[in-house]
Amino acid sequence: MTVMEPFGARLRRAMDERGPLCLGIDPHASLLAEWGLNDDVAGLERFSRTVVEAMADRVAVLKPQSAFFERFGSRGVAVLEKSVQEARAAGALVVMDAKRGDIGSTMAAYAESFLHKDAPLFSDALTVSPYLGYGSLKPAVDLARESGAGLFVLALTSNPEGGEVQHAVRGDGRSVGATMLAHLAAENAGEEPLGSFGAVVGATLGDLSSYDLGINGPLLAPGIGAQGATPADLPGVFGAALRNVVPNVSRGVLRHGPDAAALRTAADRFAAEIRTAVTAS
């Protein structure tokens, strides 16, 4: 298996060259309807192709949400495979938002599905859930290192329910979310210019100064746009870690489709606002 340059290095370069914006590809039924598309495989394919063709040569990261493709069965997964391959060919890094998490051979199989270079769904990085214990992710960590890919581990998510697990305090006095961040800091120790093992940290969470976000890895930040956060909120949430934040926008851009020019204009506006927030801090 040919080893690529590590994901963290590739991401750092893409963010420096294209800006840090991550655009989600979330073809849920209501958005397909807004675009005037049927909620079927043909509508899914038209939606995904339009987004990839409009955006893959200009944004640093595209993040397809696997569930919205999987719901159409094998034909939907085929659309996802094509979208991933075409997005990467056009220069975007692909973060597969699949939030996989399991143990042993099952986790290894999930990892092979998305992180093995010969897999049809090979992506530059994968979102994973550590809530069977961080050690359960070892097969994915190992394969990501081997293939030059990365992971984004759910640490402090933007959904309100997440707090009952992530803010729970362990016997050593640290919260579960803080423990996940510490694990990631250890994975990324000594890596330059950026580690490949990132955290998902919601942009809607407000002041996170009580958490050490300095993990020497990327921080995928959902919540901008439809969930209520704005680019101007980023410095207050992420503080000194701001340069490593990958802000995710989905519906805030996608609702402007199916016109490709309108999609690009909306993405450029968010990118400019993010650039202003980062440089002004």
C-alpha atoms as a PDB file:
ATOM      1  CA  MET A   1       0.000   0.000   0.000  1.00  0.00           C
ATOM      2  CA  THR A   2       1.479   3.337  -1.083  1.00  0.00           C
ATOM      3  CA  VAL A   3       1.765   5.734   1.837  1.00  0.00           C
ATOM      4  CA  MET A   4       0.642   9.306   1.251  1.00  0.00           C
ATOM      5  CA  GLU A   5       1.931  12.378   2.976  1.00  0.00           C
ATOM      6  CA  PRO A   6       0.210  12.472   6.393  1.00  0.00           C
ATOM      7  CA  PHE A   7      -3.271  13.936   6.472  1.00  0.00           C
ATOM      8  CA  GLY A   8      -2.283  16.661   8.930  1.00  0.00           C
ATOM      9  CA  ALA A   9       0.387  18.008   6.589  1.00  0.00           C
ATOM     10  CA  ARG A  10      -1.950  17.880   3.595  1.00  0.00           C
ATOM     11  CA  LEU A  11      -4.717  19.582   5.559  1.00  0.00           C
ATOM     12  CA  ARG A  12      -2.423  22.351   6.792  1.00  0.00           C
ATOM     13  CA  ARG A  13      -1.363  23.101   3.221  1.00  0.00           C
ATOM     14  CA  ALA A  14      -4.940  23.027   1.914  1.00  0.00           C
ATOM     15  CA  MET A  15      -6.123  25.366   4.676  1.00  0.00           C
ATOM     16  CA  ASP A  16      -3.257  27.783   4.019  1.00  0.00           C
ATOM     17  CA  GLU A  17      -3.889  27.776   0.270  1.00  0.00           C
ATOM     18  CA  ARG A  18      -7.684  27.610   0.108  1.00  0.00           C
ATOM     19  CA  GLY A  19      -8.768  28.753   3.545  1.00  0.00           C
ATOM     20  CA  PRO A  20     -10.103  26.459   6.271  1.00  0.00           C
ATOM     21  CA  LEU A  21     -13.738  26.150   5.165  1.00  0.00           C
ATOM     22  CA  CYS A  22     -15.203  22.652   5.235  1.00  0.00           C
ATOM     23  CA  LEU A  23     -18.407  22.268   3.229  1.00  0.00           C
ATOM     24  CA  GLY A  24     -20.767  19.506   4.243  1.00  0.00           C
ATOM     25  CA  ILE A  25     -22.582  17.486   1.601  1.00  0.00           C
ATOM     26  CA  ASP A  26     -25.863  16.654   3.337  1.00  0.00           C
ATOM     27  CA  PRO A  27     -28.507  15.599   0.784  1.00  0.00           C
ATOM     28  CA  HIS A  28     -31.401  15.121   3.167  1.00  0.00           C
ATOM     29  CA  ALA A  29     -34.916  14.918   1.789  1.00  0.00           C
ATOM     30  CA  SER A  30     -35.991  18.489   2.575  1.00  0.00           C
ATOM     31  CA  LEU A  31     -32.924  19.942   0.876  1.00  0.00           C
ATOM     32  CA  LEU A  32     -33.456  17.828  -2.210  1.00  0.00           C
ATOM     33  CA  ALA A  33     -37.009  19.202  -2.308  1.00  0.00           C
ATOM     34  CA  GLU A  34     -35.729  22.780  -1.999  1.00  0.00           C
ATOM     35  CA  TRP A  35     -33.569  22.125  -5.031  1.00  0.00           C
ATOM     36  CA  GLY A  36     -36.577  20.829  -6.959  1.00  0.00           C
ATOM     37  CA  LEU A  37     -35.207  17.295  -6.956  1.00  0.00           C
ATOM     38  CA  ASN A  38     -36.956  14.029  -6.232  1.00  0.00           C
ATOM     39  CA  ASP A  39     -36.028  12.128  -3.094  1.00  0.00           C
ATOM     40  CA  ASP A  40     -34.514   9.265  -5.049  1.00  0.00           C
ATOM     41  CA  VAL A  41     -31.157   8.125  -6.390  1.00  0.00           C
ATOM     42  CA  ALA A  42     -31.385  10.387  -9.431  1.00  0.00           C
ATOM     43  CA  GLY A  43     -32.000  13.403  -7.188  1.00  0.00           C
ATOM     44  CA  LEU A  44     -29.173  12.337  -4.897  1.00  0.00           C
ATOM     45  CA  GLU A  45     -26.776  12.002  -7.819  1.00  0.00           C
ATOM     46  CA  ARG A  46     -27.728  15.387  -9.287  1.00  0.00           C
ATOM     47  CA  PHE A  47     -27.338  17.077  -5.903  1.00  0.00           C
ATOM     48  CA  SER A  48     -23.978  15.526  -5.100  1.00  0.00           C
ATOM     49  CA  ARG A  49     -22.553  16.065  -8.569  1.00  0.00           C
ATOM     50  CA  THR A  50     -23.572  19.733  -8.519  1.00  0.00           C
ATOM     51  CA  VAL A  51     -21.902  20.359  -5.164  1.00  0.00           C
ATOM     52  CA  VAL A  52     -18.695  18.555  -6.092  1.00  0.00           C
ATOM     53  CA  GLU A  53     -18.395  20.253  -9.479  1.00  0.00           C
ATOM     54  CA  ALA A  54     -19.075  23.679  -7.986  1.00  0.00           C
ATOM     55  CA  MET A  55     -16.893  23.431  -4.904  1.00  0.00           C
ATOM     56  CA  ALA A  56     -14.187  20.746  -5.033  1.00  0.00           C
ATOM     57  CA  ASP A  57     -11.648  22.956  -6.765  1.00  0.00           C
ATOM     58  CA  ARG A  58     -11.978  25.827  -4.290  1.00  0.00           C
ATOM     59  CA  VAL A  59     -12.638  24.625  -0.716  1.00  0.00           C
ATOM     60  CA  ALA A  60     -10.114  22.839   1.466  1.00  0.00           C
ATOM     61  CA  VAL A  61     -12.468  20.109   2.647  1.00  0.00           C
ATOM     62  CA  LEU A  62     -15.694  18.461   1.541  1.00  0.00           C
ATOM     63  CA  LYS A  63     -17.521  16.399   4.166  1.00  0.00           C
ATOM     64  CA  PRO A  64     -20.195  14.040   2.837  1.00  0.00           C
ATOM     65  CA  GLN A  65     -22.614  12.719   5.437  1.00  0.00           C
ATOM     66  CA  SER A  66     -22.664   9.015   4.712  1.00  0.00           C
ATOM     67  CA  ALA A  67     -26.125   8.371   6.151  1.00  0.00           C
ATOM     68  CA  PHE A  68     -27.874  10.465   3.522  1.00  0.00           C
ATOM     69  CA  PHE A  69     -26.354   8.259   0.820  1.00  0.00           C
ATOM     70  CA  GLU A  70     -26.713   4.943   2.652  1.00  0.00           C
ATOM     71  CA  ARG A  71     -30.466   5.389   2.996  1.00  0.00           C
ATOM     72  CA  PHE A  72     -30.779   4.661  -0.747  1.00  0.00           C
ATOM     73  CA  GLY A  73     -28.978   1.329  -0.403  1.00  0.00           C
ATOM     74  CA  SER A  74     -26.248   0.129  -2.728  1.00  0.00           C
ATOM     75  CA  ARG A  75     -27.108   2.652  -5.448  1.00  0.00           C
ATOM     76  CA  GLY A  76     -26.753   5.476  -2.959  1.00  0.00           C
ATOM     77  CA  VAL A  77     -23.398   4.154  -1.791  1.00  0.00           C
ATOM     78  CA  ALA A  78     -22.304   4.032  -5.435  1.00  0.00           C
ATOM     79  CA  VAL A  79     -23.123   7.736  -5.726  1.00  0.00           C
ATOM     80  CA  LEU A  80     -21.087   8.370  -2.592  1.00  0.00           C
ATOM     81  CA  GLU A  81     -18.111   6.438  -3.993  1.00  0.00           C
ATOM     82  CA  LYS A  82     -18.161   8.501  -7.183  1.00  0.00           C
ATOM     83  CA  SER A  83     -18.538  11.758  -5.263  1.00  0.00           C
ATOM     84  CA  VAL A  84     -15.563  10.972  -3.033  1.00  0.00           C
ATOM     85  CA  GLN A  85     -13.360  10.026  -5.961  1.00  0.00           C
ATOM     86  CA  GLU A  86     -14.301  13.083  -8.029  1.00  0.00           C
ATOM     87  CA  ALA A  87     -13.897  15.466  -5.095  1.00  0.00           C
ATOM     88  CA  ARG A  88     -10.400  14.173  -4.322  1.00  0.00           C
ATOM     89  CA  ALA A  89      -9.444  14.283  -8.016  1.00  0.00           C
ATOM     90  CA  ALA A  90     -10.421  17.973  -8.096  1.00  0.00           C
ATOM     91  CA  GLY A  91      -8.146  18.757  -5.152  1.00  0.00           C
ATOM     92  CA  ALA A  92     -10.466  18.796  -2.154  1.00  0.00           C
ATOM     93  CA  LEU A  93      -9.718  16.720   0.900  1.00  0.00           C
ATOM     94  CA  VAL A  94     -12.631  14.460   1.813  1.00  0.00           C
ATOM     95  CA  VAL A  95     -13.676  13.889   5.414  1.00  0.00           C
ATOM     96  CA  MET A  96     -16.180  11.066   5.524  1.00  0.00           C
ATOM     97  CA  ASP A  97     -18.760  11.859   8.184  1.00  0.00           C
ATOM     98  CA  ALA A  98     -19.749   8.340   9.210  1.00  0.00           C
ATOM     99  CA  LYS A  99     -19.108   8.472  12.992  1.00  0.00           C
ATOM    100  CA  ARG A 100     -18.114   4.826  13.154  1.00  0.00           C
ATOM    101  CA  GLY A 101     -17.278   3.240  16.483  1.00  0.00           C
ATOM    102  CA  ASP A 102     -17.017  -0.386  17.571  1.00  0.00           C
ATOM    103  CA  ILE A 103     -14.515  -2.876  18.939  1.00  0.00           C
ATOM    104  CA  GLY A 104     -11.963  -5.322  17.614  1.00  0.00           C
ATOM    105  CA  SER A 105     -12.446  -6.819  14.180  1.00  0.00           C
ATOM    106  CA  THR A 106     -15.612  -4.794  13.587  1.00  0.00           C
ATOM    107  CA  MET A 107     -13.775  -1.515  14.117  1.00  0.00           C
ATOM    108  CA  ALA A 108     -11.019  -2.817  11.860  1.00  0.00           C
ATOM    109  CA  ALA A 109     -13.584  -3.535   9.130  1.00  0.00           C
ATOM    110  CA  TYR A 110     -15.054  -0.040   9.432  1.00  0.00           C
ATOM    111  CA  ALA A 111     -11.545   1.380   9.166  1.00  0.00           C
ATOM    112  CA  GLU A 112     -10.802  -0.684   6.058  1.00  0.00           C
ATOM    113  CA  SER A 113     -14.012   0.605   4.453  1.00  0.00           C
ATOM    114  CA  PHE A 114     -12.885   4.233   4.586  1.00  0.00           C
ATOM    115  CA  LEU A 115      -9.151   4.365   5.346  1.00  0.00           C
ATOM    116  CA  HIS A 116      -7.570   1.655   3.203  1.00  0.00           C
ATOM    117  CA  LYS A 117      -6.073   3.151   0.057  1.00  0.00           C
ATOM    118  CA  ASP A 118      -7.669   0.493  -2.167  1.00  0.00           C
ATOM    119  CA  ALA A 119     -11.174   0.884  -0.730  1.00  0.00           C
ATOM    120  CA  PRO A 120     -13.804   2.387  -3.078  1.00  0.00           C
ATOM    121  CA  LEU A 121     -14.774   4.821  -0.294  1.00  0.00           C
ATOM    122  CA  PHE A 122     -11.211   5.755   0.676  1.00  0.00           C
ATOM    123  CA  SER A 123     -11.325   9.203   2.275  1.00  0.00           C
ATOM    124  CA  ASP A 124      -8.660  11.527   3.587  1.00  0.00           C
ATOM    125  CA  ALA A 125     -10.177  11.326   7.051  1.00  0.00           C
ATOM    126  CA  LEU A 126     -13.061   9.702   8.899  1.00  0.00           C
ATOM    127  CA  THR A 127     -15.200  10.839  11.820  1.00  0.00           C
ATOM    128  CA  VAL A 128     -15.264   8.255  14.622  1.00  0.00           C
ATOM    129  CA  SER A 129     -17.004   7.800  17.962  1.00  0.00           C
ATOM    130  CA  PRO A 130     -14.799   6.886  20.954  1.00  0.00           C
ATOM    131  CA  TYR A 131     -17.596   6.103  23.390  1.00  0.00           C
ATOM    132  CA  LEU A 132     -16.776   2.414  23.599  1.00  0.00           C
ATOM    133  CA  GLY A 133     -13.496   3.654  25.059  1.00  0.00           C
ATOM    134  CA  TYR A 134     -10.767   5.508  23.205  1.00  0.00           C
ATOM    135  CA  GLY A 135      -8.742   2.299  22.927  1.00  0.00           C
ATOM    136  CA  SER A 136     -11.490   0.769  20.790  1.00  0.00           C
ATOM    137  CA  LEU A 137     -10.382   3.115  17.994  1.00  0.00           C
ATOM    138  CA  LYS A 138      -6.921   1.544  17.759  1.00  0.00           C
ATOM    139  CA  PRO A 139      -7.602  -0.313  14.477  1.00  0.00           C
ATOM    140  CA  ALA A 140      -8.649   2.971  12.866  1.00  0.00           C
ATOM    141  CA  VAL A 141      -5.715   4.870  14.368  1.00  0.00           C
ATOM    142  CA  ASP A 142      -3.269   2.260  13.124  1.00  0.00           C
ATOM    143  CA  LEU A 143      -4.681   2.097   9.599  1.00  0.00           C
ATOM    144  CA  ALA A 144      -4.889   5.893   9.356  1.00  0.00           C
ATOM    145  CA  ARG A 145      -1.190   6.119  10.219  1.00  0.00           C
ATOM    146  CA  GLU A 146      -0.350   3.395   7.732  1.00  0.00           C
ATOM    147  CA  SER A 147      -2.273   5.006   4.870  1.00  0.00           C
ATOM    148  CA  GLY A 148      -1.556   8.681   5.566  1.00  0.00           C
ATOM    149  CA  ALA A 149      -5.188   9.369   6.467  1.00  0.00           C
ATOM    150  CA  GLY A 150      -6.656  11.033   9.542  1.00  0.00           C
ATOM    151  CA  LEU A 151      -9.437  10.779  12.096  1.00  0.00           C
ATOM    152  CA  PHE A 152     -11.801  13.263  13.689  1.00  0.00           C
ATOM    153  CA  VAL A 153     -12.847  11.959  17.094  1.00  0.00           C
ATOM    154  CA  LEU A 154     -16.103  13.125  18.675  1.00  0.00           C
ATOM    155  CA  ALA A 155     -15.000  15.092  21.736  1.00  0.00           C
ATOM    156  CA  LEU A 156     -17.260  18.088  22.465  1.00  0.00           C
ATOM    157  CA  THR A 157     -20.144  17.928  20.039  1.00  0.00           C
ATOM    158  CA  SER A 158     -22.713  20.620  19.322  1.00  0.00           C
ATOM    159  CA  ASN A 159     -25.830  18.524  20.032  1.00  0.00           C
ATOM    160  CA  PRO A 160     -27.379  19.246  23.452  1.00  0.00           C
ATOM    161  CA  GLU A 161     -27.540  15.552  24.380  1.00  0.00           C
ATOM    162  CA  GLY A 162     -23.792  15.156  24.037  1.00  0.00           C
ATOM    163  CA  GLY A 163     -23.111  16.847  27.333  1.00  0.00           C
ATOM    164  CA  GLU A 164     -24.501  14.003  29.441  1.00  0.00           C
ATOM    165  CA  VAL A 165     -21.577  11.864  28.292  1.00  0.00           C
ATOM    166  CA  GLN A 166     -18.890  14.320  27.234  1.00  0.00           C
ATOM    167  CA  HIS A 167     -19.092  16.569  30.300  1.00  0.00           C
ATOM    168  CA  ALA A 168     -19.368  13.666  32.755  1.00  0.00           C
ATOM    169  CA  VAL A 169     -16.485  13.725  35.247  1.00  0.00           C
ATOM    170  CA  ARG A 170     -14.305  10.668  35.656  1.00  0.00           C
ATOM    171  CA  GLY A 171     -12.763   9.443  38.870  1.00  0.00           C
ATOM    172  CA  ASP A 172      -9.544  11.325  38.100  1.00  0.00           C
ATOM    173  CA  GLY A 173     -11.438  14.627  37.998  1.00  0.00           C
ATOM    174  CA  ARG A 174     -11.266  15.076  34.234  1.00  0.00           C
ATOM    175  CA  SER A 175     -14.339  15.139  32.047  1.00  0.00           C
ATOM    176  CA  VAL A 176     -14.799  12.516  29.364  1.00  0.00           C
ATOM    177  CA  GLY A 177     -14.438  15.154  26.646  1.00  0.00           C
ATOM    178  CA  ALA A 178     -11.189  16.419  28.140  1.00  0.00           C
ATOM    179  CA  THR A 179      -9.916  12.851  28.276  1.00  0.00           C
ATOM    180  CA  MET A 180     -10.540  12.429  24.555  1.00  0.00           C
ATOM    181  CA  LEU A 181      -8.644  15.645  23.845  1.00  0.00           C
ATOM    182  CA  ALA A 182      -5.728  14.388  25.927  1.00  0.00           C
ATOM    183  CA  HIS A 183      -5.624  11.131  23.963  1.00  0.00           C
ATOM    184  CA  LEU A 184      -5.492  13.097  20.713  1.00  0.00           C
ATOM    185  CA  ALA A 185      -2.724  15.346  21.988  1.00  0.00           C
ATOM    186  CA  ALA A 186      -0.705  12.204  22.692  1.00  0.00           C
ATOM    187  CA  GLU A 187      -1.356  10.852  19.181  1.00  0.00           C
ATOM    188  CA  ASN A 188      -0.160  14.123  17.634  1.00  0.00           C
ATOM    189  CA  ALA A 189       2.888  14.697  19.833  1.00  0.00           C
ATOM    190  CA  GLY A 190       5.861  15.895  17.811  1.00  0.00           C
ATOM    191  CA  GLU A 191       4.037  15.980  14.482  1.00  0.00           C
ATOM    192  CA  GLU A 192       4.792  18.882  12.122  1.00  0.00           C
ATOM    193  CA  PRO A 193       3.216  21.005  10.793  1.00  0.00           C
ATOM    194  CA  LEU A 194      -0.012  19.493  12.163  1.00  0.00           C
ATOM    195  CA  GLY A 195      -1.030  16.128  13.545  1.00  0.00           C
ATOM    196  CA  SER A 196      -3.502  13.941  11.686  1.00  0.00           C
ATOM    197  CA  PHE A 197      -5.780  13.093  14.620  1.00  0.00           C
ATOM    198  CA  GLY A 198      -8.377  15.760  15.177  1.00  0.00           C
ATOM    199  CA  ALA A 199     -11.352  16.400  17.404  1.00  0.00           C
ATOM    200  CA  VAL A 200     -14.929  17.362  16.637  1.00  0.00           C
ATOM    201  CA  VAL A 201     -15.682  20.428  18.753  1.00  0.00           C
ATOM    202  CA  GLY A 202     -18.927  22.321  18.210  1.00  0.00           C
ATOM    203  CA  ALA A 203     -18.769  25.987  17.250  1.00  0.00           C
ATOM    204  CA  THR A 204     -22.000  26.541  19.201  1.00  0.00           C
ATOM    205  CA  LEU A 205     -20.525  25.683  22.616  1.00  0.00           C
ATOM    206  CA  GLY A 206     -19.368  29.126  23.722  1.00  0.00           C
ATOM    207  CA  ASP A 207     -16.353  29.636  25.944  1.00  0.00           C
ATOM    208  CA  LEU A 208     -14.256  26.460  26.082  1.00  0.00           C
ATOM    209  CA  SER A 209     -11.315  27.967  27.941  1.00  0.00           C
ATOM    210  CA  SER A 210     -11.616  25.279  30.616  1.00  0.00           C
ATOM    211  CA  TYR A 211     -10.635  22.682  27.983  1.00  0.00           C
ATOM    212  CA  ASP A 212      -7.177  22.263  26.516  1.00  0.00           C
ATOM    213  CA  LEU A 213      -7.814  22.422  22.779  1.00  0.00           C
ATOM    214  CA  GLY A 214      -4.090  22.528  22.012  1.00  0.00           C
ATOM    215  CA  ILE A 215      -3.956  18.967  20.673  1.00  0.00           C
ATOM    216  CA  ASN A 216      -1.549  19.795  17.802  1.00  0.00           C
ATOM    217  CA  GLY A 217      -4.257  18.554  15.485  1.00  0.00           C
ATOM    218  CA  PRO A 218      -7.262  19.919  13.589  1.00  0.00           C
ATOM    219  CA  LEU A 219     -10.538  20.830  15.261  1.00  0.00           C
ATOM    220  CA  LEU A 220     -13.558  20.160  13.070  1.00  0.00           C
ATOM    221  CA  ALA A 221     -16.152  22.729  14.112  1.00  0.00           C
ATOM    222  CA  PRO A 222     -19.754  22.042  13.071  1.00  0.00           C
ATOM    223  CA  GLY A 223     -22.550  24.428  13.930  1.00  0.00           C
ATOM    224  CA  ILE A 224     -21.942  27.465  11.701  1.00  0.00           C
ATOM    225  CA  GLY A 225     -24.946  28.632   9.756  1.00  0.00           C
ATOM    226  CA  ALA A 226     -28.214  26.796  10.318  1.00  0.00           C
ATOM    227  CA  GLN A 227     -27.266  25.705  13.863  1.00  0.00           C
ATOM    228  CA  GLY A 228     -26.758  29.301  14.921  1.00  0.00           C
ATOM    229  CA  ALA A 229     -23.007  29.889  15.215  1.00  0.00           C
ATOM    230  CA  THR A 230     -21.255  32.481  13.046  1.00  0.00           C
ATOM    231  CA  PRO A 231     -17.633  32.868  11.944  1.00  0.00           C
ATOM    232  CA  ALA A 232     -17.343  35.779  14.369  1.00  0.00           C
ATOM    233  CA  ASP A 233     -17.970  33.330  17.235  1.00  0.00           C
ATOM    234  CA  LEU A 234     -14.914  31.223  16.449  1.00  0.00           C
ATOM    235  CA  PRO A 235     -12.238  33.233  18.346  1.00  0.00           C
ATOM    236  CA  GLY A 236     -14.318  33.198  21.528  1.00  0.00           C
ATOM    237  CA  VAL A 237     -14.859  29.445  21.348  1.00  0.00           C
ATOM    238  CA  PHE A 238     -11.424  28.244  20.249  1.00  0.00           C
ATOM    239  CA  GLY A 239      -9.027  30.875  21.571  1.00  0.00           C
ATOM    240  CA  ALA A 240      -5.377  30.048  20.953  1.00  0.00           C
ATOM    241  CA  ALA A 241      -6.292  26.965  18.921  1.00  0.00           C
ATOM    242  CA  LEU A 242      -8.116  29.043  16.306  1.00  0.00           C
ATOM    243  CA  ARG A 243      -5.575  28.517  13.518  1.00  0.00           C
ATOM    244  CA  ASN A 244      -6.213  24.769  13.592  1.00  0.00           C
ATOM    245  CA  VAL A 245     -10.006  25.061  13.382  1.00  0.00           C
ATOM    246  CA  VAL A 246     -11.794  23.647  10.335  1.00  0.00           C
ATOM    247  CA  PRO A 247     -15.193  25.385  10.400  1.00  0.00           C
ATOM    248  CA  ASN A 248     -17.969  23.321   8.846  1.00  0.00           C
ATOM    249  CA  VAL A 249     -20.893  24.880   6.991  1.00  0.00           C
ATOM    250  CA  SER A 250     -23.566  22.801   5.322  1.00  0.00           C
ATOM    251  CA  ARG A 251     -27.073  24.158   4.925  1.00  0.00           C
ATOM    252  CA  GLY A 252     -25.901  27.778   5.036  1.00  0.00           C
ATOM    253  CA  VAL A 253     -24.303  27.172   1.637  1.00  0.00           C
ATOM    254  CA  LEU A 254     -26.332  24.289   0.245  1.00  0.00           C
ATOM    255  CA  ARG A 255     -29.660  26.109   0.500  1.00  0.00           C
ATOM    256  CA  HIS A 256     -28.445  28.399  -2.296  1.00  0.00           C
ATOM    257  CA  GLY A 257     -28.423  25.548  -4.825  1.00  0.00           C
ATOM    258  CA  PRO A 258     -28.942  24.179  -7.346  1.00  0.00           C
ATOM    259  CA  ASP A 259     -27.317  27.162  -9.072  1.00  0.00           C
ATOM    260  CA  ALA A 260     -23.560  26.523  -9.017  1.00  0.00           C
ATOM    261  CA  ALA A 261     -22.654  30.203  -9.070  1.00  0.00           C
ATOM    262  CA  ALA A 262     -24.916  30.875  -6.093  1.00  0.00           C
ATOM    263  CA  LEU A 263     -23.300  28.007  -4.184  1.00  0.00           C
ATOM    264  CA  ARG A 264     -19.845  29.419  -4.873  1.00  0.00           C
ATOM    265  CA  THR A 265     -20.912  32.913  -3.864  1.00  0.00           C
ATOM    266  CA  ALA A 266     -22.331  31.675  -0.557  1.00  0.00           C
ATOM    267  CA  ALA A 267     -19.210  29.622   0.172  1.00  0.00           C
ATOM    268  CA  ASP A 268     -16.953  32.557  -0.674  1.00  0.00           C
ATOM    269  CA  ARG A 269     -18.905  34.741   1.733  1.00  0.00           C
ATOM    270  CA  PHE A 270     -18.473  32.297   4.602  1.00  0.00           C
ATOM    271  CA  ALA A 271     -14.805  31.844   3.705  1.00  0.00           C
ATOM    272  CA  ALA A 272     -14.233  35.590   3.799  1.00  0.00           C
ATOM    273  CA  GLU A 273     -15.990  35.923   7.154  1.00  0.00           C
ATOM    274  CA  ILE A 274     -13.908  33.056   8.561  1.00  0.00           C
ATOM    275  CA  ARG A 275     -10.703  34.639   7.246  1.00  0.00           C
ATOM    276  CA  THR A 276     -11.632  37.930   8.893  1.00  0.00           C
ATOM    277  CA  ALA A 277     -12.373  36.225  12.223  1.00  0.00           C
ATOM    278  CA  VAL A 278      -9.086  34.293  12.182  1.00  0.00           C
ATOM    279  CA  THR A 279      -6.845  37.184  11.125  1.00  0.00           C
ATOM    280  CA  ALA A 280      -8.456  39.673  13.504  1.00  0.00           C
ATOM    281  CA  SER A 281      -7.929  37.506  16.578  1.00  0.00           C
END
